[in-house]
Protein backbone atom coordinates (compact mmCIF):
# COMPACT_ATOMS: atom_id res chain seq x y z
CA MET A 1 -8.85 -21.63 35.26
CA ALA A 2 -10.47 -20.71 31.65
CA LYS A 3 -9.42 -22.63 28.51
CA PRO A 4 -7.19 -20.65 25.77
CA ASN A 5 -9.36 -19.71 23.03
CA TYR A 6 -6.85 -20.61 20.10
CA SER A 7 -9.50 -19.64 17.22
CA PHE A 8 -9.28 -16.15 18.67
CA GLU A 9 -5.48 -15.92 19.00
CA LYS A 10 -5.25 -17.71 15.49
CA ARG A 11 -7.50 -14.78 13.99
CA GLN A 12 -5.58 -12.15 15.81
CA ARG A 13 -2.17 -13.57 14.30
CA GLU A 14 -4.24 -13.76 10.45
CA ILE A 15 -5.47 -10.00 11.03
CA ALA A 16 -1.78 -9.03 12.12
CA LYS A 17 -0.38 -10.67 8.93
CA LYS A 18 -2.85 -9.39 6.62
CA LYS A 19 -2.12 -5.74 8.13
CA LYS A 20 1.49 -6.25 7.47
CA ASN A 21 1.20 -7.36 3.86
CA ASP A 22 -1.16 -4.58 3.02
CA GLU A 23 1.24 -2.07 4.41
CA LYS A 24 3.99 -3.64 2.53
CA ALA A 25 1.79 -3.64 -0.64
CA ALA A 26 1.02 0.19 -0.18
CA ARG A 27 4.83 1.10 0.16
CA LYS A 28 5.40 -0.90 -3.13
CA ARG A 29 2.62 0.80 -4.76
CA ASP A 30 3.68 4.03 -3.35
CA ALA A 31 7.29 3.37 -4.74
CA ARG A 32 6.18 2.56 -8.08
CA THR A 33 4.15 5.58 -8.49
CA ASP A 34 6.94 7.90 -7.30
CA LYS A 35 9.24 6.34 -9.87
CA ALA A 36 7.18 6.01 -12.92
CA PRO A 37 6.38 9.92 -13.81
CA SER A 38 10.35 10.65 -13.27
CA SER A 39 11.38 7.89 -15.70
CA THR A 40 9.45 9.30 -18.38
CA GLY A 41 10.76 12.97 -17.71
CA ASP A 42 7.26 14.55 -18.24
CA ALA A 43 6.37 15.02 -14.73
CA SER A 44 8.27 18.36 -14.58
CA ALA A 45 6.54 19.84 -18.00
CA PRO A 46 3.45 21.77 -17.03
CA ALA A 47 0.16 20.43 -18.61
CA PRO A 48 -0.96 22.38 -22.10
CA GLN A 49 -3.99 24.69 -21.26
CA GLN A 50 -7.07 23.65 -22.96
CA PRO A 51 -9.12 26.72 -24.40
CA GLU A 52 -12.56 26.84 -23.30
């Protein structure tokens, strides 16, 4: 019978944990960027045109 490879299992758990934390951070970042323009009220106003 083969021995369990604890190092591999630990690494897989660490990878899963990091992925979960990255997804959570991305959701938080998206939520912040979505709320930021709406709180200032400037998002609905069109940007002024620059003459060339």
